[in-house]
Amino acid sequence: MAEGLTLSNKQKQHLKSLAHSLKPVVLLGANGLTEGVMAEIELALNHHELIKVKVPEEDRELREQVYATIVAHTQAYRVQVVGKVLTLYKPSPEGKIQLPRR
């Protein structure tokens, strides 16, 4: 999770509503979670702040491990998981997304 970042339920709901219309910007392929994929996730987070990542892994436990690895590596906040799609939020210095007050 991003350093010192805690989100209220109101802020999470706001991020979920913003993410609703988004399509996954990163799709994991047959090679799984590679350095290139992690770099792409970092790049997308830095550019968009709020992204979706699709992990087509069938095994739920393995998929959860992939989610945890992504969150730990990117220091992003895990907003939600719906099916095989992980929604991540990482605020940028520009502050593109304005979160509601707590």
PDB file of N, CA and C in Angstrom:
ATOM      1  N   MET A   1       0.844  -1.172   0.000  1.00  0.00           N
ATOM      2  CA  MET A   1       0.000   0.000   0.000  1.00  0.00           C
ATOM      3  C   MET A   1       0.888   1.233   0.000  1.00  0.00           C
ATOM      4  N   ALA A   2       0.427   2.281  -0.619  1.00  0.00           N
ATOM      5  CA  ALA A   2       1.211   3.503  -0.688  1.00  0.00           C
ATOM      6  C   ALA A   2       1.516   3.993   0.721  1.00  0.00           C
ATOM      7  N   GLU A   3       2.692   4.533   0.872  1.00  0.00           N
ATOM      8  CA  GLU A   3       3.174   4.935   2.182  1.00  0.00           C
ATOM      9  C   GLU A   3       2.229   5.936   2.837  1.00  0.00           C
ATOM     10  N   GLY A   4       1.723   5.577   4.011  1.00  0.00           N
ATOM     11  CA  GLY A   4       0.861   6.472   4.767  1.00  0.00           C
ATOM     12  C   GLY A   4      -0.522   6.668   4.162  1.00  0.00           C
ATOM     13  N   LEU A   5      -0.864   5.888   3.167  1.00  0.00           N
ATOM     14  CA  LEU A   5      -2.140   6.076   2.493  1.00  0.00           C
ATOM     15  C   LEU A   5      -3.215   5.213   3.130  1.00  0.00           C
ATOM     16  N   THR A   6      -4.220   5.861   3.648  1.00  0.00           N
ATOM     17  CA  THR A   6      -5.407   5.160   4.110  1.00  0.00           C
ATOM     18  C   THR A   6      -6.592   5.885   3.499  1.00  0.00           C
ATOM     19  N   LEU A   7      -7.511   5.122   3.002  1.00  0.00           N
ATOM     20  CA  LEU A   7      -8.678   5.705   2.350  1.00  0.00           C
ATOM     21  C   LEU A   7      -9.926   5.418   3.165  1.00  0.00           C
ATOM     22  N   SER A   8     -10.769   6.412   3.269  1.00  0.00           N
ATOM     23  CA  SER A   8     -12.052   6.210   3.934  1.00  0.00           C
ATOM     24  C   SER A   8     -12.979   5.459   2.984  1.00  0.00           C
ATOM     25  N   ASN A   9     -14.079   4.970   3.513  1.00  0.00           N
ATOM     26  CA  ASN A   9     -15.053   4.276   2.664  1.00  0.00           C
ATOM     27  C   ASN A   9     -15.592   5.202   1.582  1.00  0.00           C
ATOM     28  N   LYS A  10     -15.771   6.465   1.934  1.00  0.00           N
ATOM     29  CA  LYS A  10     -16.264   7.453   0.969  1.00  0.00           C
ATOM     30  C   LYS A  10     -15.269   7.617  -0.186  1.00  0.00           C
ATOM     31  N   GLN A  11     -13.983   7.659   0.142  1.00  0.00           N
ATOM     32  CA  GLN A  11     -12.954   7.797  -0.885  1.00  0.00           C
ATOM     33  C   GLN A  11     -12.876   6.544  -1.754  1.00  0.00           C
ATOM     34  N   LYS A  12     -12.998   5.366  -1.129  1.00  0.00           N
ATOM     35  CA  LYS A  12     -12.989   4.119  -1.896  1.00  0.00           C
ATOM     36  C   LYS A  12     -14.166   4.081  -2.862  1.00  0.00           C
ATOM     37  N   GLN A  13     -15.332   4.476  -2.385  1.00  0.00           N
ATOM     38  CA  GLN A  13     -16.519   4.490  -3.242  1.00  0.00           C
ATOM     39  C   GLN A  13     -16.325   5.442  -4.418  1.00  0.00           C
ATOM     40  N   HIS A  14     -15.699   6.580  -4.158  1.00  0.00           N
ATOM     41  CA  HIS A  14     -15.428   7.552  -5.223  1.00  0.00           C
ATOM     42  C   HIS A  14     -14.506   6.933  -6.279  1.00  0.00           C
ATOM     43  N   LEU A  15     -13.446   6.265  -5.824  1.00  0.00           N
ATOM     44  CA  LEU A  15     -12.510   5.628  -6.756  1.00  0.00           C
ATOM     45  C   LEU A  15     -13.190   4.506  -7.537  1.00  0.00           C
ATOM     46  N   LYS A  16     -14.035   3.736  -6.870  1.00  0.00           N
ATOM     47  CA  LYS A  16     -14.760   2.664  -7.555  1.00  0.00           C
ATOM     48  C   LYS A  16     -15.669   3.231  -8.639  1.00  0.00           C
ATOM     49  N   SER A  17     -16.315   4.349  -8.337  1.00  0.00           N
ATOM     50  CA  SER A  17     -17.203   4.948  -9.337  1.00  0.00           C
ATOM     51  C   SER A  17     -16.404   5.475 -10.528  1.00  0.00           C
ATOM     52  N   LEU A  18     -15.220   6.025 -10.271  1.00  0.00           N
ATOM     53  CA  LEU A  18     -14.366   6.489 -11.367  1.00  0.00           C
ATOM     54  C   LEU A  18     -13.847   5.310 -12.194  1.00  0.00           C
ATOM     55  N   ALA A  19     -13.578   4.203 -11.534  1.00  0.00           N
ATOM     56  CA  ALA A  19     -13.010   3.032 -12.210  1.00  0.00           C
ATOM     57  C   ALA A  19     -14.055   2.243 -12.991  1.00  0.00           C
ATOM     58  N   HIS A  20     -15.314   2.463 -12.685  1.00  0.00           N
ATOM     59  CA  HIS A  20     -16.376   1.662 -13.296  1.00  0.00           C
ATOM     60  C   HIS A  20     -16.292   1.634 -14.823  1.00  0.00           C
ATOM     61  N   SER A  21     -16.049   2.766 -15.429  1.00  0.00           N
ATOM     62  CA  SER A  21     -16.046   2.844 -16.894  1.00  0.00           C
ATOM     63  C   SER A  21     -14.687   2.516 -17.515  1.00  0.00           C
ATOM     64  N   LEU A  22     -13.678   2.291 -16.687  1.00  0.00           N
ATOM     65  CA  LEU A  22     -12.342   2.004 -17.212  1.00  0.00           C
ATOM     66  C   LEU A  22     -12.231   0.580 -17.730  1.00  0.00           C
ATOM     67  N   LYS A  23     -11.428   0.420 -18.748  1.00  0.00           N
ATOM     68  CA  LYS A  23     -11.065  -0.904 -19.254  1.00  0.00           C
ATOM     69  C   LYS A  23      -9.692  -1.246 -18.681  1.00  0.00           C
ATOM     70  N   PRO A  24      -9.381  -2.527 -18.525  1.00  0.00           N
ATOM     71  CA  PRO A  24      -8.042  -2.892 -18.047  1.00  0.00           C
ATOM     72  C   PRO A  24      -6.964  -2.366 -18.999  1.00  0.00           C
ATOM     73  N   VAL A  25      -5.959  -1.691 -18.443  1.00  0.00           N
ATOM     74  CA  VAL A  25      -4.882  -1.149 -19.276  1.00  0.00           C
ATOM     75  C   VAL A  25      -3.698  -2.106 -19.356  1.00  0.00           C
ATOM     76  N   VAL A  26      -3.630  -3.048 -18.428  1.00  0.00           N
ATOM     77  CA  VAL A  26      -2.565  -4.046 -18.450  1.00  0.00           C
ATOM     78  C   VAL A  26      -3.216  -5.418 -18.355  1.00  0.00           C
ATOM     79  N   LEU A  27      -2.839  -6.293 -19.272  1.00  0.00           N
ATOM     80  CA  LEU A  27      -3.346  -7.658 -19.281  1.00  0.00           C
ATOM     81  C   LEU A  27      -2.166  -8.605 -19.125  1.00  0.00           C
ATOM     82  N   LEU A  28      -2.207  -9.447 -18.115  1.00  0.00           N
ATOM     83  CA  LEU A  28      -1.146 -10.430 -17.953  1.00  0.00           C
ATOM     84  C   LEU A  28      -1.323 -11.517 -18.996  1.00  0.00           C
ATOM     85  N   GLY A  29      -0.224 -11.917 -19.608  1.00  0.00           N
ATOM     86  CA  GLY A  29      -0.277 -12.942 -20.642  1.00  0.00           C
ATOM     87  C   GLY A  29       0.149 -14.293 -20.119  1.00  0.00           C
ATOM     88  N   ALA A  30       0.529 -15.151 -21.037  1.00  0.00           N
ATOM     89  CA  ALA A  30       0.918 -16.518 -20.700  1.00  0.00           C
ATOM     90  C   ALA A  30       2.179 -16.564 -19.842  1.00  0.00           C
ATOM     91  N   ASN A  31       3.028 -15.547 -19.964  1.00  0.00           N
ATOM     92  CA  ASN A  31       4.267 -15.517 -19.183  1.00  0.00           C
ATOM     93  C   ASN A  31       4.049 -15.050 -17.754  1.00  0.00           C
ATOM     94  N   GLY A  32       2.852 -14.606 -17.438  1.00  0.00           N
ATOM     95  CA  GLY A  32       2.545 -14.191 -16.073  1.00  0.00           C
ATOM     96  C   GLY A  32       3.110 -12.827 -15.732  1.00  0.00           C
ATOM     97  N   LEU A  33       3.487 -12.685 -14.482  1.00  0.00           N
ATOM     98  CA  LEU A  33       3.949 -11.402 -13.956  1.00  0.00           C
ATOM     99  C   LEU A  33       5.455 -11.271 -14.172  1.00  0.00           C
ATOM    100  N   THR A  34       5.839 -10.621 -15.252  1.00  0.00           N
ATOM    101  CA  THR A  34       7.251 -10.447 -15.584  1.00  0.00           C
ATOM    102  C   THR A  34       7.695  -9.035 -15.214  1.00  0.00           C
ATOM    103  N   GLU A  35       8.991  -8.787 -15.316  1.00  0.00           N
ATOM    104  CA  GLU A  35       9.510  -7.440 -15.045  1.00  0.00           C
ATOM    105  C   GLU A  35       8.916  -6.426 -16.013  1.00  0.00           C
ATOM    106  N   GLY A  36       8.731  -6.837 -17.252  1.00  0.00           N
ATOM    107  CA  GLY A  36       8.138  -5.949 -18.251  1.00  0.00           C
ATOM    108  C   GLY A  36       6.708  -5.568 -17.903  1.00  0.00           C
ATOM    109  N   VAL A  37       5.951  -6.535 -17.410  1.00  0.00           N
ATOM    110  CA  VAL A  37       4.565  -6.268 -17.007  1.00  0.00           C
ATOM    111  C   VAL A  37       4.550  -5.326 -15.806  1.00  0.00           C
ATOM    112  N   MET A  38       5.436  -5.564 -14.847  1.00  0.00           N
ATOM    113  CA  MET A  38       5.501  -4.689 -13.669  1.00  0.00           C
ATOM    114  C   MET A  38       5.871  -3.266 -14.076  1.00  0.00           C
ATOM    115  N   ALA A  39       6.795  -3.136 -15.018  1.00  0.00           N
ATOM    116  CA  ALA A  39       7.189  -1.808 -15.496  1.00  0.00           C
ATOM    117  C   ALA A  39       6.005  -1.119 -16.174  1.00  0.00           C
ATOM    118  N   GLU A  40       5.229  -1.875 -16.919  1.00  0.00           N
ATOM    119  CA  GLU A  40       4.058  -1.321 -17.604  1.00  0.00           C
ATOM    120  C   GLU A  40       2.996  -0.872 -16.591  1.00  0.00           C
ATOM    121  N   ILE A  41       2.820  -1.647 -15.531  1.00  0.00           N
ATOM    122  CA  ILE A  41       1.866  -1.277 -14.479  1.00  0.00           C
ATOM    123  C   ILE A  41       2.319   0.017 -13.802  1.00  0.00           C
ATOM    124  N   GLU A  42       3.612   0.098 -13.485  1.00  0.00           N
ATOM    125  CA  GLU A  42       4.162   1.317 -12.864  1.00  0.00           C
ATOM    126  C   GLU A  42       3.944   2.526 -13.769  1.00  0.00           C
ATOM    127  N   LEU A  43       4.239   2.358 -15.046  1.00  0.00           N
ATOM    128  CA  LEU A  43       4.080   3.444 -16.010  1.00  0.00           C
ATOM    129  C   LEU A  43       2.620   3.893 -16.086  1.00  0.00           C
ATOM    130  N   ALA A  44       1.718   2.927 -16.151  1.00  0.00           N
ATOM    131  CA  ALA A  44       0.291   3.248 -16.228  1.00  0.00           C
ATOM    132  C   ALA A  44      -0.186   3.952 -14.958  1.00  0.00           C
ATOM    133  N   LEU A  45       0.271   3.494 -13.799  1.00  0.00           N
ATOM    134  CA  LEU A  45      -0.115   4.139 -12.537  1.00  0.00           C
ATOM    135  C   LEU A  45       0.402   5.569 -12.465  1.00  0.00           C
ATOM    136  N   ASN A  46       1.633   5.772 -12.892  1.00  0.00           N
ATOM    137  CA  ASN A  46       2.204   7.118 -12.857  1.00  0.00           C
ATOM    138  C   ASN A  46       1.464   8.059 -13.800  1.00  0.00           C
ATOM    139  N   HIS A  47       0.974   7.515 -14.887  1.00  0.00           N
ATOM    140  CA  HIS A  47       0.283   8.348 -15.874  1.00  0.00           C
ATOM    141  C   HIS A  47      -1.188   8.568 -15.526  1.00  0.00           C
ATOM    142  N   HIS A  48      -1.871   7.517 -15.055  1.00  0.00           N
ATOM    143  CA  HIS A  48      -3.323   7.588 -14.853  1.00  0.00           C
ATOM    144  C   HIS A  48      -3.772   7.678 -13.395  1.00  0.00           C
ATOM    145  N   GLU A  49      -2.974   7.229 -12.460  1.00  0.00           N
ATOM    146  CA  GLU A  49      -3.299   7.135 -11.033  1.00  0.00           C
ATOM    147  C   GLU A  49      -4.266   5.999 -10.704  1.00  0.00           C
ATOM    148  N   LEU A  50      -5.277   5.789 -11.527  1.00  0.00           N
ATOM    149  CA  LEU A  50      -6.284   4.755 -11.279  1.00  0.00           C
ATOM    150  C   LEU A  50      -6.332   3.844 -12.498  1.00  0.00           C
ATOM    151  N   ILE A  51      -5.999   2.568 -12.293  1.00  0.00           N
ATOM    152  CA  ILE A  51      -5.957   1.640 -13.425  1.00  0.00           C
ATOM    153  C   ILE A  51      -6.584   0.305 -13.046  1.00  0.00           C
ATOM    154  N   LYS A  52      -6.871  -0.471 -14.080  1.00  0.00           N
ATOM    155  CA  LYS A  52      -7.323  -1.845 -13.896  1.00  0.00           C
ATOM    156  C   LYS A  52      -6.300  -2.774 -14.536  1.00  0.00           C
ATOM    157  N   VAL A  53      -6.061  -3.897 -13.862  1.00  0.00           N
ATOM    158  CA  VAL A  53      -5.136  -4.915 -14.353  1.00  0.00           C
ATOM    159  C   VAL A  53      -5.896  -6.236 -14.409  1.00  0.00           C
ATOM    160  N   LYS A  54      -5.878  -6.878 -15.565  1.00  0.00           N
ATOM    161  CA  LYS A  54      -6.572  -8.164 -15.708  1.00  0.00           C
ATOM    162  C   LYS A  54      -5.577  -9.304 -15.551  1.00  0.00           C
ATOM    163  N   VAL A  55      -5.902 -10.210 -14.635  1.00  0.00           N
ATOM    164  CA  VAL A  55      -5.056 -11.370 -14.352  1.00  0.00           C
ATOM    165  C   VAL A  55      -5.865 -12.618 -14.707  1.00  0.00           C
ATOM    166  N   PRO A  56      -5.614 -13.218 -15.876  1.00  0.00           N
ATOM    167  CA  PRO A  56      -6.442 -14.334 -16.333  1.00  0.00           C
ATOM    168  C   PRO A  56      -6.115 -15.683 -15.692  1.00  0.00           C
ATOM    169  N   GLU A  57      -5.518 -15.679 -14.539  1.00  0.00           N
ATOM    170  CA  GLU A  57      -5.165 -16.912 -13.834  1.00  0.00           C
ATOM    171  C   GLU A  57      -6.438 -17.571 -13.292  1.00  0.00           C
ATOM    172  N   GLU A  58      -6.584 -18.867 -13.517  1.00  0.00           N
ATOM    173  CA  GLU A  58      -7.779 -19.587 -13.062  1.00  0.00           C
ATOM    174  C   GLU A  58      -7.748 -19.899 -11.567  1.00  0.00           C
ATOM    175  N   ASP A  59      -6.579 -20.210 -11.036  1.00  0.00           N
ATOM    176  CA  ASP A  59      -6.439 -20.571  -9.625  1.00  0.00           C
ATOM    177  C   ASP A  59      -6.583 -19.324  -8.750  1.00  0.00           C
ATOM    178  N   ARG A  60      -7.597 -19.299  -7.914  1.00  0.00           N
ATOM    179  CA  ARG A  60      -7.901 -18.125  -7.091  1.00  0.00           C
ATOM    180  C   ARG A  60      -6.750 -17.761  -6.151  1.00  0.00           C
ATOM    181  N   GLU A  61      -6.147 -18.761  -5.515  1.00  0.00           N
ATOM    182  CA  GLU A  61      -5.045 -18.488  -4.581  1.00  0.00           C
ATOM    183  C   GLU A  61      -3.844 -17.888  -5.309  1.00  0.00           C
ATOM    184  N   LEU A  62      -3.531 -18.430  -6.462  1.00  0.00           N
ATOM    185  CA  LEU A  62      -2.419 -17.906  -7.252  1.00  0.00           C
ATOM    186  C   LEU A  62      -2.717 -16.485  -7.720  1.00  0.00           C
ATOM    187  N   ARG A  63      -3.967 -16.249  -8.103  1.00  0.00           N
ATOM    188  CA  ARG A  63      -4.376 -14.910  -8.529  1.00  0.00           C
ATOM    189  C   ARG A  63      -4.224 -13.917  -7.378  1.00  0.00           C
ATOM    190  N   GLU A  64      -4.605 -14.315  -6.170  1.00  0.00           N
ATOM    191  CA  GLU A  64      -4.449 -13.449  -4.993  1.00  0.00           C
ATOM    192  C   GLU A  64      -2.974 -13.149  -4.722  1.00  0.00           C
ATOM    193  N   GLN A  65      -2.119 -14.136  -4.943  1.00  0.00           N
ATOM    194  CA  GLN A  65      -0.679 -13.918  -4.770  1.00  0.00           C
ATOM    195  C   GLN A  65      -0.163 -12.902  -5.785  1.00  0.00           C
ATOM    196  N   VAL A  66      -0.653 -12.998  -7.009  1.00  0.00           N
ATOM    197  CA  VAL A  66      -0.253 -12.044  -8.047  1.00  0.00           C
ATOM    198  C   VAL A  66      -0.716 -10.642  -7.655  1.00  0.00           C
ATOM    199  N   TYR A  67      -1.958 -10.522  -7.182  1.00  0.00           N
ATOM    200  CA  TYR A  67      -2.468  -9.218  -6.736  1.00  0.00           C
ATOM    201  C   TYR A  67      -1.584  -8.649  -5.630  1.00  0.00           C
ATOM    202  N   ALA A  68      -1.257  -9.482  -4.642  1.00  0.00           N
ATOM    203  CA  ALA A  68      -0.439  -9.031  -3.513  1.00  0.00           C
ATOM    204  C   ALA A  68       0.945  -8.589  -3.981  1.00  0.00           C
ATOM    205  N   THR A  69       1.519  -9.317  -4.922  1.00  0.00           N
ATOM    206  CA  THR A  69       2.835  -8.956  -5.455  1.00  0.00           C
ATOM    207  C   THR A  69       2.779  -7.614  -6.170  1.00  0.00           C
ATOM    208  N   ILE A  70       1.743  -7.413  -6.963  1.00  0.00           N
ATOM    209  CA  ILE A  70       1.597  -6.148  -7.691  1.00  0.00           C
ATOM    210  C   ILE A  70       1.458  -4.988  -6.709  1.00  0.00           C
ATOM    211  N   VAL A  71       0.602  -5.151  -5.709  1.00  0.00           N
ATOM    212  CA  VAL A  71       0.380  -4.085  -4.725  1.00  0.00           C
ATOM    213  C   VAL A  71       1.665  -3.785  -3.959  1.00  0.00           C
ATOM    214  N   ALA A  72       2.379  -4.823  -3.540  1.00  0.00           N
ATOM    215  CA  ALA A  72       3.618  -4.622  -2.788  1.00  0.00           C
ATOM    216  C   ALA A  72       4.685  -3.943  -3.644  1.00  0.00           C
ATOM    217  N   HIS A  73       4.798  -4.355  -4.884  1.00  0.00           N
ATOM    218  CA  HIS A  73       5.835  -3.806  -5.761  1.00  0.00           C
ATOM    219  C   HIS A  73       5.546  -2.357  -6.155  1.00  0.00           C
ATOM    220  N   THR A  74       4.289  -2.053  -6.426  1.00  0.00           N
ATOM    221  CA  THR A  74       3.939  -0.714  -6.905  1.00  0.00           C
ATOM    222  C   THR A  74       3.680   0.275  -5.775  1.00  0.00           C
ATOM    223  N   GLN A  75       3.488  -0.236  -4.558  1.00  0.00           N
ATOM    224  CA  GLN A  75       3.113   0.613  -3.427  1.00  0.00           C
ATOM    225  C   GLN A  75       1.808   1.353  -3.712  1.00  0.00           C
ATOM    226  N   ALA A  76       0.923   0.696  -4.444  1.00  0.00           N
ATOM    227  CA  ALA A  76      -0.374   1.274  -4.785  1.00  0.00           C
ATOM    228  C   ALA A  76      -1.432   0.760  -3.820  1.00  0.00           C
ATOM    229  N   TYR A  77      -2.564   1.418  -3.817  1.00  0.00           N
ATOM    230  CA  TYR A  77      -3.677   1.010  -2.977  1.00  0.00           C
ATOM    231  C   TYR A  77      -4.600   0.097  -3.776  1.00  0.00           C
ATOM    232  N   ARG A  78      -4.944  -1.028  -3.209  1.00  0.00           N
ATOM    233  CA  ARG A  78      -5.868  -1.973  -3.848  1.00  0.00           C
ATOM    234  C   ARG A  78      -7.288  -1.482  -3.587  1.00  0.00           C
ATOM    235  N   VAL A  79      -7.918  -0.956  -4.622  1.00  0.00           N
ATOM    236  CA  VAL A  79      -9.261  -0.398  -4.476  1.00  0.00           C
ATOM    237  C   VAL A  79     -10.297  -1.511  -4.426  1.00  0.00           C
ATOM    238  N   GLN A  80     -10.230  -2.417  -5.403  1.00  0.00           N
ATOM    239  CA  GLN A  80     -11.177  -3.528  -5.431  1.00  0.00           C
ATOM    240  C   GLN A  80     -10.717  -4.592  -6.411  1.00  0.00           C
ATOM    241  N   VAL A  81     -11.321  -5.762  -6.269  1.00  0.00           N
ATOM    242  CA  VAL A  81     -11.127  -6.849  -7.222  1.00  0.00           C
ATOM    243  C   VAL A  81     -12.513  -7.332  -7.618  1.00  0.00           C
ATOM    244  N   VAL A  82     -12.762  -7.344  -8.915  1.00  0.00           N
ATOM    245  CA  VAL A  82     -14.017  -7.869  -9.439  1.00  0.00           C
ATOM    246  C   VAL A  82     -13.643  -8.939 -10.450  1.00  0.00           C
ATOM    247  N   GLY A  83     -13.984 -10.169 -10.131  1.00  0.00           N
ATOM    248  CA  GLY A  83     -13.607 -11.271 -11.008  1.00  0.00           C
ATOM    249  C   GLY A  83     -12.098 -11.396 -11.073  1.00  0.00           C
ATOM    250  N   LYS A  84     -11.555 -11.236 -12.259  1.00  0.00           N
ATOM    251  CA  LYS A  84     -10.111 -11.354 -12.455  1.00  0.00           C
ATOM    252  C   LYS A  84      -9.463 -10.001 -12.712  1.00  0.00           C
ATOM    253  N   VAL A  85     -10.169  -8.927 -12.350  1.00  0.00           N
ATOM    254  CA  VAL A  85      -9.680  -7.580 -12.617  1.00  0.00           C
ATOM    255  C   VAL A  85      -9.393  -6.851 -11.302  1.00  0.00           C
ATOM    256  N   LEU A  86      -8.155  -6.409 -11.177  1.00  0.00           N
ATOM    257  CA  LEU A  86      -7.685  -5.670 -10.003  1.00  0.00           C
ATOM    258  C   LEU A  86      -7.695  -4.183 -10.322  1.00  0.00           C
ATOM    259  N   THR A  87      -8.268  -3.382  -9.428  1.00  0.00           N
ATOM    260  CA  THR A  87      -8.258  -1.928  -9.587  1.00  0.00           C
ATOM    261  C   THR A  87      -7.268  -1.354  -8.593  1.00  0.00           C
ATOM    262  N   LEU A  88      -6.327  -0.551  -9.108  1.00  0.00           N
ATOM    263  CA  LEU A  88      -5.273   0.047  -8.291  1.00  0.00           C
ATOM    264  C   LEU A  88      -5.336   1.563  -8.340  1.00  0.00           C
ATOM    265  N   TYR A  89      -4.969   2.176  -7.219  1.00  0.00           N
ATOM    266  CA  TYR A  89      -4.879   3.637  -7.150  1.00  0.00           C
ATOM    267  C   TYR A  89      -3.551   4.013  -6.514  1.00  0.00           C
ATOM    268  N   LYS A  90      -2.843   4.906  -7.177  1.00  0.00           N
ATOM    269  CA  LYS A  90      -1.595   5.427  -6.629  1.00  0.00           C
ATOM    270  C   LYS A  90      -1.545   6.912  -6.963  1.00  0.00           C
ATOM    271  N   PRO A  91      -1.665   7.765  -5.943  1.00  0.00           N
ATOM    272  CA  PRO A  91      -1.663   9.203  -6.225  1.00  0.00           C
ATOM    273  C   PRO A  91      -0.330   9.656  -6.806  1.00  0.00           C
ATOM    274  N   SER A  92      -0.408  10.555  -7.763  1.00  0.00           N
ATOM    275  CA  SER A  92       0.805  11.106  -8.359  1.00  0.00           C
ATOM    276  C   SER A  92       1.046  12.490  -7.765  1.00  0.00           C
ATOM    277  N   PRO A  93       2.254  13.005  -7.917  1.00  0.00           N
ATOM    278  CA  PRO A  93       2.540  14.352  -7.391  1.00  0.00           C
ATOM    279  C   PRO A  93       1.633  15.427  -7.992  1.00  0.00           C
ATOM    280  N   GLU A  94       1.174  15.208  -9.231  1.00  0.00           N
ATOM    281  CA  GLU A  94       0.291  16.186  -9.874  1.00  0.00           C
ATOM    282  C   GLU A  94      -1.112  16.172  -9.279  1.00  0.00           C
ATOM    283  N   GLY A  95      -1.487  15.070  -8.648  1.00  0.00           N
ATOM    284  CA  GLY A  95      -2.806  14.969  -8.036  1.00  0.00           C
ATOM    285  C   GLY A  95      -3.936  15.081  -9.040  1.00  0.00           C
ATOM    286  N   LYS A  96      -3.944  14.219 -10.038  1.00  0.00           N
ATOM    287  CA  LYS A  96      -4.961  14.267 -11.093  1.00  0.00           C
ATOM    288  C   LYS A  96      -6.356  13.941 -10.569  1.00  0.00           C
ATOM    289  N   ILE A  97      -6.436  13.018  -9.632  1.00  0.00           N
ATOM    290  CA  ILE A  97      -7.727  12.628  -9.066  1.00  0.00           C
ATOM    291  C   ILE A  97      -7.883  13.302  -7.708  1.00  0.00           C
ATOM    292  N   GLN A  98      -8.954  14.047  -7.570  1.00  0.00           N
ATOM    293  CA  GLN A  98      -9.246  14.709  -6.303  1.00  0.00           C
ATOM    294  C   GLN A  98     -10.172  13.811  -5.487  1.00  0.00           C
ATOM    295  N   LEU A  99      -9.672  13.359  -4.353  1.00  0.00           N
ATOM    296  CA  LEU A  99     -10.484  12.514  -3.483  1.00  0.00           C
ATOM    297  C   LEU A  99     -11.368  13.381  -2.593  1.00  0.00           C
ATOM    298  N   PRO A 100     -12.574  12.894  -2.293  1.00  0.00           N
ATOM    299  CA  PRO A 100     -13.427  13.650  -1.368  1.00  0.00           C
ATOM    300  C   PRO A 100     -12.818  13.639   0.032  1.00  0.00           C
ATOM    301  N   ARG A 101     -13.229  14.590   0.820  1.00  0.00           N
ATOM    302  CA  ARG A 101     -12.750  14.613   2.210  1.00  0.00           C
ATOM    303  C   ARG A 101     -13.250  13.376   2.929  1.00  0.00           C
ATOM    304  N   ARG A 102     -12.538  13.025   3.954  1.00  0.00           N
ATOM    305  CA  ARG A 102     -12.897  11.839   4.730  1.00  0.00           C
ATOM    306  C   ARG A 102     -14.253  12.031   5.322  1.00  0.00           C
TER     307      ARG A 102
END
